């Protein structure tokens, strides 16, 4: 199921278009996507403050977001998930 999520993300298609191609219901795909995101969030690690002056998120399209070190984790998670388009 995670391969389907990653294939959709790299396809350039909307969710609706992609799901029509692979013949999967949106509710099932949403469940997969939720599981995928939870697994991705589990990979966060704590960065000791001595290593960096900022938190930088680099998206696959080259866009970068620079955040202060004390940015709330919830906000960082939302920015990381933003790129998925959902």
PDB file of N, CA and C in Angstrom:
ATOM      1  N   UNK A   1       0.813  -1.194   0.000  1.00  0.00           N
ATOM      2  CA  UNK A   1       0.000   0.000   0.000  1.00  0.00           C
ATOM      3  C   UNK A   1       0.859   1.263   0.000  1.00  0.00           C
ATOM      4  N   UNK A   2       2.032   1.215   0.689  1.00  0.00           N
ATOM      5  CA  UNK A   2       2.883   2.396   0.719  1.00  0.00           C
ATOM      6  C   UNK A   2       3.489   2.678  -0.656  1.00  0.00           C
ATOM      7  N   UNK A   3       3.732   1.624  -1.421  1.00  0.00           N
ATOM      8  CA  UNK A   3       4.245   1.827  -2.779  1.00  0.00           C
ATOM      9  C   UNK A   3       3.218   2.567  -3.637  1.00  0.00           C
ATOM     10  N   UNK A   4       1.940   2.286  -3.407  1.00  0.00           N
ATOM     11  CA  UNK A   4       0.881   2.981  -4.149  1.00  0.00           C
ATOM     12  C   UNK A   4       0.859   4.461  -3.776  1.00  0.00           C
ATOM     13  N   UNK A   5       1.063   4.777  -2.501  1.00  0.00           N
ATOM     14  CA  UNK A   5       1.102   6.172  -2.059  1.00  0.00           C
ATOM     15  C   UNK A   5       2.268   6.886  -2.725  1.00  0.00           C
ATOM     16  N   UNK A   6       3.444   6.273  -2.694  1.00  0.00           N
ATOM     17  CA  UNK A   6       4.622   6.885  -3.282  1.00  0.00           C
ATOM     18  C   UNK A   6       4.499   7.009  -4.797  1.00  0.00           C
ATOM     19  N   UNK A   7       3.869   6.029  -5.420  1.00  0.00           N
ATOM     20  CA  UNK A   7       3.650   6.107  -6.868  1.00  0.00           C
ATOM     21  C   UNK A   7       2.714   7.264  -7.205  1.00  0.00           C
ATOM     22  N   UNK A   8       1.669   7.438  -6.410  1.00  0.00           N
ATOM     23  CA  UNK A   8       0.749   8.566  -6.625  1.00  0.00           C
ATOM     24  C   UNK A   8       1.484   9.891  -6.459  1.00  0.00           C
ATOM     25  N   UNK A   9       2.297  10.007  -5.400  1.00  0.00           N
ATOM     26  CA  UNK A   9       3.004  11.257  -5.136  1.00  0.00           C
ATOM     27  C   UNK A   9       3.935  11.630  -6.271  1.00  0.00           C
ATOM     28  N   UNK A  10       4.531  10.655  -6.917  1.00  0.00           N
ATOM     29  CA  UNK A  10       5.457  10.957  -8.005  1.00  0.00           C
ATOM     30  C   UNK A  10       4.780  10.984  -9.378  1.00  0.00           C
ATOM     31  N   UNK A  11       3.497  10.638  -9.430  1.00  0.00           N
ATOM     32  CA  UNK A  11       2.802  10.542 -10.714  1.00  0.00           C
ATOM     33  C   UNK A  11       2.421  11.892 -11.329  1.00  0.00           C
ATOM     34  N   UNK A  12       2.227  12.893 -10.481  1.00  0.00           N
ATOM     35  CA  UNK A  12       1.753  14.175 -10.990  1.00  0.00           C
ATOM     36  C   UNK A  12       0.249  14.201 -11.207  1.00  0.00           C
ATOM     37  N   UNK A  13      -0.419  13.109 -10.892  1.00  0.00           N
ATOM     38  CA  UNK A  13      -1.866  13.031 -11.062  1.00  0.00           C
ATOM     39  C   UNK A  13      -2.574  13.461  -9.784  1.00  0.00           C
ATOM     40  N   UNK A  14      -3.811  13.881  -9.938  1.00  0.00           N
ATOM     41  CA  UNK A  14      -4.622  14.131  -8.750  1.00  0.00           C
ATOM     42  C   UNK A  14      -4.945  12.777  -8.130  1.00  0.00           C
ATOM     43  N   UNK A  15      -5.372  12.808  -6.876  1.00  0.00           N
ATOM     44  CA  UNK A  15      -5.758  11.554  -6.230  1.00  0.00           C
ATOM     45  C   UNK A  15      -6.858  10.862  -7.019  1.00  0.00           C
ATOM     46  N   UNK A  16      -7.840  11.624  -7.436  1.00  0.00           N
ATOM     47  CA  UNK A  16      -8.984  11.055  -8.162  1.00  0.00           C
ATOM     48  C   UNK A  16      -8.524  10.368  -9.449  1.00  0.00           C
ATOM     49  N   UNK A  17      -7.645  11.029 -10.200  1.00  0.00           N
ATOM     50  CA  UNK A  17      -7.148  10.441 -11.448  1.00  0.00           C
ATOM     51  C   UNK A  17      -6.357   9.162 -11.182  1.00  0.00           C
ATOM     52  N   UNK A  18      -5.497   9.220 -10.178  1.00  0.00           N
ATOM     53  CA  UNK A  18      -4.664   8.064  -9.848  1.00  0.00           C
ATOM     54  C   UNK A  18      -5.513   6.882  -9.392  1.00  0.00           C
ATOM     55  N   UNK A  19      -6.486   7.160  -8.531  1.00  0.00           N
ATOM     56  CA  UNK A  19      -7.331   6.084  -8.016  1.00  0.00           C
ATOM     57  C   UNK A  19      -8.154   5.435  -9.116  1.00  0.00           C
ATOM     58  N   UNK A  20      -8.560   6.229 -10.094  1.00  0.00           N
ATOM     59  CA  UNK A  20      -9.292   5.660 -11.220  1.00  0.00           C
ATOM     60  C   UNK A  20      -8.405   4.691 -12.001  1.00  0.00           C
ATOM     61  N   UNK A  21      -7.129   5.027 -12.129  1.00  0.00           N
ATOM     62  CA  UNK A  21      -6.199   4.169 -12.859  1.00  0.00           C
ATOM     63  C   UNK A  21      -5.928   2.853 -12.135  1.00  0.00           C
ATOM     64  N   UNK A  22      -5.801   2.926 -10.819  1.00  0.00           N
ATOM     65  CA  UNK A  22      -5.464   1.700 -10.081  1.00  0.00           C
ATOM     66  C   UNK A  22      -6.695   0.999  -9.515  1.00  0.00           C
ATOM     67  N   UNK A  23      -7.854   1.588  -9.749  1.00  0.00           N
ATOM     68  CA  UNK A  23      -9.133   1.007  -9.347  1.00  0.00           C
ATOM     69  C   UNK A  23      -9.192   0.708  -7.844  1.00  0.00           C
ATOM     70  N   UNK A  24      -8.898   1.749  -7.063  1.00  0.00           N
ATOM     71  CA  UNK A  24      -8.968   1.659  -5.597  1.00  0.00           C
ATOM     72  C   UNK A  24      -9.943   2.731  -5.128  1.00  0.00           C
ATOM     73  N   UNK A  25     -10.790   2.371  -4.162  1.00  0.00           N
ATOM     74  CA  UNK A  25     -11.745   3.333  -3.608  1.00  0.00           C
ATOM     75  C   UNK A  25     -11.011   4.400  -2.805  1.00  0.00           C
ATOM     76  N   UNK A  26     -11.560   5.614  -2.839  1.00  0.00           N
ATOM     77  CA  UNK A  26     -10.932   6.720  -2.139  1.00  0.00           C
ATOM     78  C   UNK A  26     -10.845   6.462  -0.629  1.00  0.00           C
ATOM     79  N   UNK A  27     -11.861   5.859  -0.049  1.00  0.00           N
ATOM     80  CA  UNK A  27     -11.839   5.597   1.395  1.00  0.00           C
ATOM     81  C   UNK A  27     -10.679   4.666   1.766  1.00  0.00           C
ATOM     82  N   UNK A  28     -10.436   3.670   0.947  1.00  0.00           N
ATOM     83  CA  UNK A  28      -9.331   2.752   1.200  1.00  0.00           C
ATOM     84  C   UNK A  28      -7.992   3.472   1.059  1.00  0.00           C
ATOM     85  N   UNK A  29      -7.888   4.307   0.014  1.00  0.00           N
ATOM     86  CA  UNK A  29      -6.658   5.049  -0.216  1.00  0.00           C
ATOM     87  C   UNK A  29      -6.392   6.036   0.913  1.00  0.00           C
ATOM     88  N   UNK A  30      -7.447   6.671   1.428  1.00  0.00           N
ATOM     89  CA  UNK A  30      -7.293   7.602   2.547  1.00  0.00           C
ATOM     90  C   UNK A  30      -6.762   6.879   3.778  1.00  0.00           C
ATOM     91  N   UNK A  31      -7.236   5.661   4.001  1.00  0.00           N
ATOM     92  CA  UNK A  31      -6.731   4.849   5.106  1.00  0.00           C
ATOM     93  C   UNK A  31      -5.245   4.565   4.911  1.00  0.00           C
ATOM     94  N   UNK A  32      -4.858   4.159   3.699  1.00  0.00           N
ATOM     95  CA  UNK A  32      -3.460   3.896   3.401  1.00  0.00           C
ATOM     96  C   UNK A  32      -2.621   5.146   3.645  1.00  0.00           C
ATOM     97  N   UNK A  33      -3.137   6.287   3.168  1.00  0.00           N
ATOM     98  CA  UNK A  33      -2.419   7.544   3.298  1.00  0.00           C
ATOM     99  C   UNK A  33      -2.213   7.918   4.766  1.00  0.00           C
ATOM    100  N   UNK A  34      -3.236   7.702   5.570  1.00  0.00           N
ATOM    101  CA  UNK A  34      -3.125   7.980   7.007  1.00  0.00           C
ATOM    102  C   UNK A  34      -2.046   7.096   7.629  1.00  0.00           C
ATOM    103  N   UNK A  35      -2.033   5.811   7.300  1.00  0.00           N
ATOM    104  CA  UNK A  35      -1.024   4.889   7.811  1.00  0.00           C
ATOM    105  C   UNK A  35       0.372   5.299   7.352  1.00  0.00           C
ATOM    106  N   UNK A  36       0.462   5.697   6.101  1.00  0.00           N
ATOM    107  CA  UNK A  36       1.748   6.118   5.531  1.00  0.00           C
ATOM    108  C   UNK A  36       2.287   7.343   6.270  1.00  0.00           C
ATOM    109  N   UNK A  37       1.428   8.319   6.470  1.00  0.00           N
ATOM    110  CA  UNK A  37       1.855   9.540   7.165  1.00  0.00           C
ATOM    111  C   UNK A  37       2.256   9.261   8.600  1.00  0.00           C
ATOM    112  N   UNK A  38       1.523   8.400   9.269  1.00  0.00           N
ATOM    113  CA  UNK A  38       1.877   8.050  10.651  1.00  0.00           C
ATOM    114  C   UNK A  38       3.240   7.370  10.701  1.00  0.00           C
ATOM    115  N   UNK A  39       3.510   6.522   9.730  1.00  0.00           N
ATOM    116  CA  UNK A  39       4.816   5.867   9.687  1.00  0.00           C
ATOM    117  C   UNK A  39       5.908   6.897   9.434  1.00  0.00           C
ATOM    118  N   UNK A  40       5.637   7.854   8.543  1.00  0.00           N
ATOM    119  CA  UNK A  40       6.615   8.894   8.254  1.00  0.00           C
ATOM    120  C   UNK A  40       6.892   9.744   9.492  1.00  0.00           C
ATOM    121  N   UNK A  41       5.842  10.054  10.251  1.00  0.00           N
ATOM    122  CA  UNK A  41       6.013  10.869  11.455  1.00  0.00           C
ATOM    123  C   UNK A  41       6.800  10.129  12.521  1.00  0.00           C
ATOM    124  N   UNK A  42       6.717   8.814  12.517  1.00  0.00           N
ATOM    125  CA  UNK A  42       7.463   8.017  13.481  1.00  0.00           C
ATOM    126  C   UNK A  42       8.961   8.076  13.220  1.00  0.00           C
ATOM    127  N   UNK A  43       9.366   8.575  12.049  1.00  0.00           N
ATOM    128  CA  UNK A  43      10.786   8.635  11.719  1.00  0.00           C
ATOM    129  C   UNK A  43      11.433   9.937  12.154  1.00  0.00           C
ATOM    130  N   UNK A  44      10.667  10.836  12.793  1.00  0.00           N
ATOM    131  CA  UNK A  44      11.260  12.070  13.302  1.00  0.00           C
ATOM    132  C   UNK A  44      12.283  11.735  14.375  1.00  0.00           C
ATOM    133  N   UNK A  45      13.370  12.464  14.352  1.00  0.00           N
ATOM    134  CA  UNK A  45      14.373  12.310  15.395  1.00  0.00           C
ATOM    135  C   UNK A  45      14.612  13.668  16.049  1.00  0.00           C
ATOM    136  N   UNK A  46      15.068  13.643  17.275  1.00  0.00           N
ATOM    137  CA  UNK A  46      15.376  14.887  17.966  1.00  0.00           C
ATOM    138  C   UNK A  46      16.734  15.381  17.494  1.00  0.00           C
ATOM    139  N   UNK A  47      16.809  16.663  17.167  1.00  0.00           N
ATOM    140  CA  UNK A  47      18.059  17.264  16.732  1.00  0.00           C
ATOM    141  C   UNK A  47      18.565  18.149  17.861  1.00  0.00           C
ATOM    142  N   UNK A  48      19.695  17.815  18.446  1.00  0.00           N
ATOM    143  CA  UNK A  48      20.235  18.672  19.504  1.00  0.00           C
ATOM    144  C   UNK A  48      20.480  20.082  18.970  1.00  0.00           C
ATOM    145  N   UNK A  49      20.208  21.082  19.765  1.00  0.00           N
ATOM    146  CA  UNK A  49      20.271  22.466  19.304  1.00  0.00           C
ATOM    147  C   UNK A  49      21.660  22.929  18.910  1.00  0.00           C
ATOM    148  N   UNK A  50      22.688  22.237  19.311  1.00  0.00           N
ATOM    149  CA  UNK A  50      24.040  22.650  18.960  1.00  0.00           C
ATOM    150  C   UNK A  50      24.409  22.428  17.507  1.00  0.00           C
ATOM    151  N   UNK A  51      23.602  21.685  16.754  1.00  0.00           N
ATOM    152  CA  UNK A  51      23.961  21.341  15.387  1.00  0.00           C
ATOM    153  C   UNK A  51      23.488  22.319  14.328  1.00  0.00           C
ATOM    154  N   UNK A  52      22.506  23.108  14.603  1.00  0.00           N
ATOM    155  CA  UNK A  52      21.918  23.927  13.547  1.00  0.00           C
ATOM    156  C   UNK A  52      21.337  25.210  14.130  1.00  0.00           C
ATOM    157  N   UNK A  53      21.251  26.207  13.288  1.00  0.00           N
ATOM    158  CA  UNK A  53      20.629  27.469  13.671  1.00  0.00           C
ATOM    159  C   UNK A  53      19.153  27.495  13.295  1.00  0.00           C
ATOM    160  N   UNK A  54      18.750  26.591  12.409  1.00  0.00           N
ATOM    161  CA  UNK A  54      17.366  26.571  11.935  1.00  0.00           C
ATOM    162  C   UNK A  54      16.991  25.160  11.507  1.00  0.00           C
ATOM    163  N   UNK A  55      15.698  24.943  11.391  1.00  0.00           N
ATOM    164  CA  UNK A  55      15.174  23.703  10.827  1.00  0.00           C
ATOM    165  C   UNK A  55      14.824  24.019   9.387  1.00  0.00           C
ATOM    166  N   UNK A  56      15.347  23.232   8.470  1.00  0.00           N
ATOM    167  CA  UNK A  56      15.081  23.474   7.051  1.00  0.00           C
ATOM    168  C   UNK A  56      14.358  22.262   6.490  1.00  0.00           C
ATOM    169  N   UNK A  57      13.210  22.519   5.868  1.00  0.00           N
ATOM    170  CA  UNK A  57      12.451  21.465   5.189  1.00  0.00           C
ATOM    171  C   UNK A  57      12.643  21.695   3.701  1.00  0.00           C
ATOM    172  N   UNK A  58      13.148  20.675   3.007  1.00  0.00           N
ATOM    173  CA  UNK A  58      13.338  20.752   1.562  1.00  0.00           C
ATOM    174  C   UNK A  58      12.333  19.806   0.902  1.00  0.00           C
ATOM    175  N   UNK A  59      11.475  20.370   0.056  1.00  0.00           N
ATOM    176  CA  UNK A  59      10.483  19.573  -0.651  1.00  0.00           C
ATOM    177  C   UNK A  59      11.090  19.037  -1.945  1.00  0.00           C
ATOM    178  N   UNK A  60      10.534  17.947  -2.487  1.00  0.00           N
ATOM    179  CA  UNK A  60      11.079  17.353  -3.709  1.00  0.00           C
ATOM    180  C   UNK A  60      11.166  18.312  -4.891  1.00  0.00           C
ATOM    181  N   UNK A  61      10.312  19.326  -4.927  1.00  0.00           N
ATOM    182  CA  UNK A  61      10.351  20.263  -6.044  1.00  0.00           C
ATOM    183  C   UNK A  61      11.404  21.360  -5.864  1.00  0.00           C
ATOM    184  N   UNK A  62      12.198  21.283  -4.769  1.00  0.00           N
ATOM    185  CA  UNK A  62      13.265  22.244  -4.529  1.00  0.00           C
ATOM    186  C   UNK A  62      12.904  23.370  -3.578  1.00  0.00           C
ATOM    187  N   UNK A  63      11.632  23.529  -3.262  1.00  0.00           N
ATOM    188  CA  UNK A  63      11.225  24.578  -2.341  1.00  0.00           C
ATOM    189  C   UNK A  63      11.779  24.268  -0.950  1.00  0.00           C
ATOM    190  N   UNK A  64      12.240  25.311  -0.255  1.00  0.00           N
ATOM    191  CA  UNK A  64      12.755  25.152   1.101  1.00  0.00           C
ATOM    192  C   UNK A  64      12.003  26.057   2.060  1.00  0.00           C
ATOM    193  N   UNK A  65      11.799  25.557   3.253  1.00  0.00           N
ATOM    194  CA  UNK A  65      11.188  26.334   4.329  1.00  0.00           C
ATOM    195  C   UNK A  65      12.165  26.304   5.491  1.00  0.00           C
ATOM    196  N   UNK A  66      12.543  27.471   5.988  1.00  0.00           N
ATOM    197  CA  UNK A  66      13.456  27.574   7.115  1.00  0.00           C
ATOM    198  C   UNK A  66      12.669  28.027   8.338  1.00  0.00           C
ATOM    199  N   UNK A  67      12.840  27.303   9.438  1.00  0.00           N
ATOM    200  CA  UNK A  67      12.080  27.564  10.662  1.00  0.00           C
ATOM    201  C   UNK A  67      13.022  27.749  11.847  1.00  0.00           C
ATOM    202  N   UNK A  68      12.619  28.542  12.830  1.00  0.00           N
ATOM    203  CA  UNK A  68      13.423  28.649  14.045  1.00  0.00           C
ATOM    204  C   UNK A  68      13.486  27.300  14.765  1.00  0.00           C
ATOM    205  N   UNK A  69      14.535  27.075  15.517  1.00  0.00           N
ATOM    206  CA  UNK A  69      14.709  25.802  16.219  1.00  0.00           C
ATOM    207  C   UNK A  69      13.573  25.472  17.166  1.00  0.00           C
ATOM    208  N   UNK A  70      12.920  26.461  17.713  1.00  0.00           N
ATOM    209  CA  UNK A  70      11.875  26.212  18.701  1.00  0.00           C
ATOM    210  C   UNK A  70      10.478  26.175  18.085  1.00  0.00           C
ATOM    211  N   UNK A  71      10.394  25.876  16.797  1.00  0.00           N
ATOM    212  CA  UNK A  71       9.106  25.741  16.135  1.00  0.00           C
ATOM    213  C   UNK A  71       8.384  24.519  16.699  1.00  0.00           C
ATOM    214  N   UNK A  72       7.098  24.654  17.047  1.00  0.00           N
ATOM    215  CA  UNK A  72       6.358  23.505  17.595  1.00  0.00           C
ATOM    216  C   UNK A  72       6.350  22.317  16.625  1.00  0.00           C
ATOM    217  N   UNK A  73       6.529  21.125  17.154  1.00  0.00           N
ATOM    218  CA  UNK A  73       6.577  19.909  16.352  1.00  0.00           C
ATOM    219  C   UNK A  73       5.314  19.726  15.517  1.00  0.00           C
ATOM    220  N   UNK A  74       4.160  20.063  16.070  1.00  0.00           N
ATOM    221  CA  UNK A  74       2.902  19.927  15.331  1.00  0.00           C
ATOM    222  C   UNK A  74       2.944  20.740  14.028  1.00  0.00           C
ATOM    223  N   UNK A  75       3.478  21.954  14.099  1.00  0.00           N
ATOM    224  CA  UNK A  75       3.567  22.817  12.915  1.00  0.00           C
ATOM    225  C   UNK A  75       4.538  22.218  11.894  1.00  0.00           C
ATOM    226  N   UNK A  76       5.654  21.681  12.373  1.00  0.00           N
ATOM    227  CA  UNK A  76       6.624  21.065  11.470  1.00  0.00           C
ATOM    228  C   UNK A  76       5.991  19.871  10.757  1.00  0.00           C
ATOM    229  N   UNK A  77       5.257  19.041  11.500  1.00  0.00           N
ATOM    230  CA  UNK A  77       4.588  17.887  10.903  1.00  0.00           C
ATOM    231  C   UNK A  77       3.592  18.322   9.820  1.00  0.00           C
ATOM    232  N   UNK A  78       2.860  19.398  10.072  1.00  0.00           N
ATOM    233  CA  UNK A  78       1.908  19.900   9.073  1.00  0.00           C
ATOM    234  C   UNK A  78       2.623  20.347   7.811  1.00  0.00           C
ATOM    235  N   UNK A  79       3.769  21.001   7.967  1.00  0.00           N
ATOM    236  CA  UNK A  79       4.533  21.429   6.792  1.00  0.00           C
ATOM    237  C   UNK A  79       5.091  20.245   6.023  1.00  0.00           C
ATOM    238  N   UNK A  80       5.545  19.232   6.734  1.00  0.00           N
ATOM    239  CA  UNK A  80       6.066  18.036   6.063  1.00  0.00           C
ATOM    240  C   UNK A  80       4.945  17.357   5.274  1.00  0.00           C
ATOM    241  N   UNK A  81       3.757  17.273   5.864  1.00  0.00           N
ATOM    242  CA  UNK A  81       2.623  16.626   5.192  1.00  0.00           C
ATOM    243  C   UNK A  81       2.027  17.474   4.086  1.00  0.00           C
ATOM    244  N   UNK A  82       2.269  18.776   4.099  1.00  0.00           N
ATOM    245  CA  UNK A  82       1.680  19.689   3.127  1.00  0.00           C
ATOM    246  C   UNK A  82       1.961  19.256   1.698  1.00  0.00           C
ATOM    247  N   UNK A  83       3.155  18.785   1.443  1.00  0.00           N
ATOM    248  CA  UNK A  83       3.540  18.479   0.079  1.00  0.00           C
ATOM    249  C   UNK A  83       2.744  17.345  -0.544  1.00  0.00           C
ATOM    250  N   UNK A  84       2.204  16.476   0.273  1.00  0.00           N
ATOM    251  CA  UNK A  84       1.472  15.332  -0.275  1.00  0.00           C
ATOM    252  C   UNK A  84       0.206  15.736  -1.017  1.00  0.00           C
ATOM    253  N   UNK A  85      -0.253  16.966  -0.822  1.00  0.00           N
ATOM    254  CA  UNK A  85      -1.391  17.477  -1.584  1.00  0.00           C
ATOM    255  C   UNK A  85      -2.748  17.118  -1.035  1.00  0.00           C
ATOM    256  N   UNK A  86      -2.803  16.590   0.163  1.00  0.00           N
ATOM    257  CA  UNK A  86      -4.091  16.217   0.746  1.00  0.00           C
ATOM    258  C   UNK A  86      -4.393  17.127   1.895  1.00  0.00           C
TER     259      UNK A  86
END
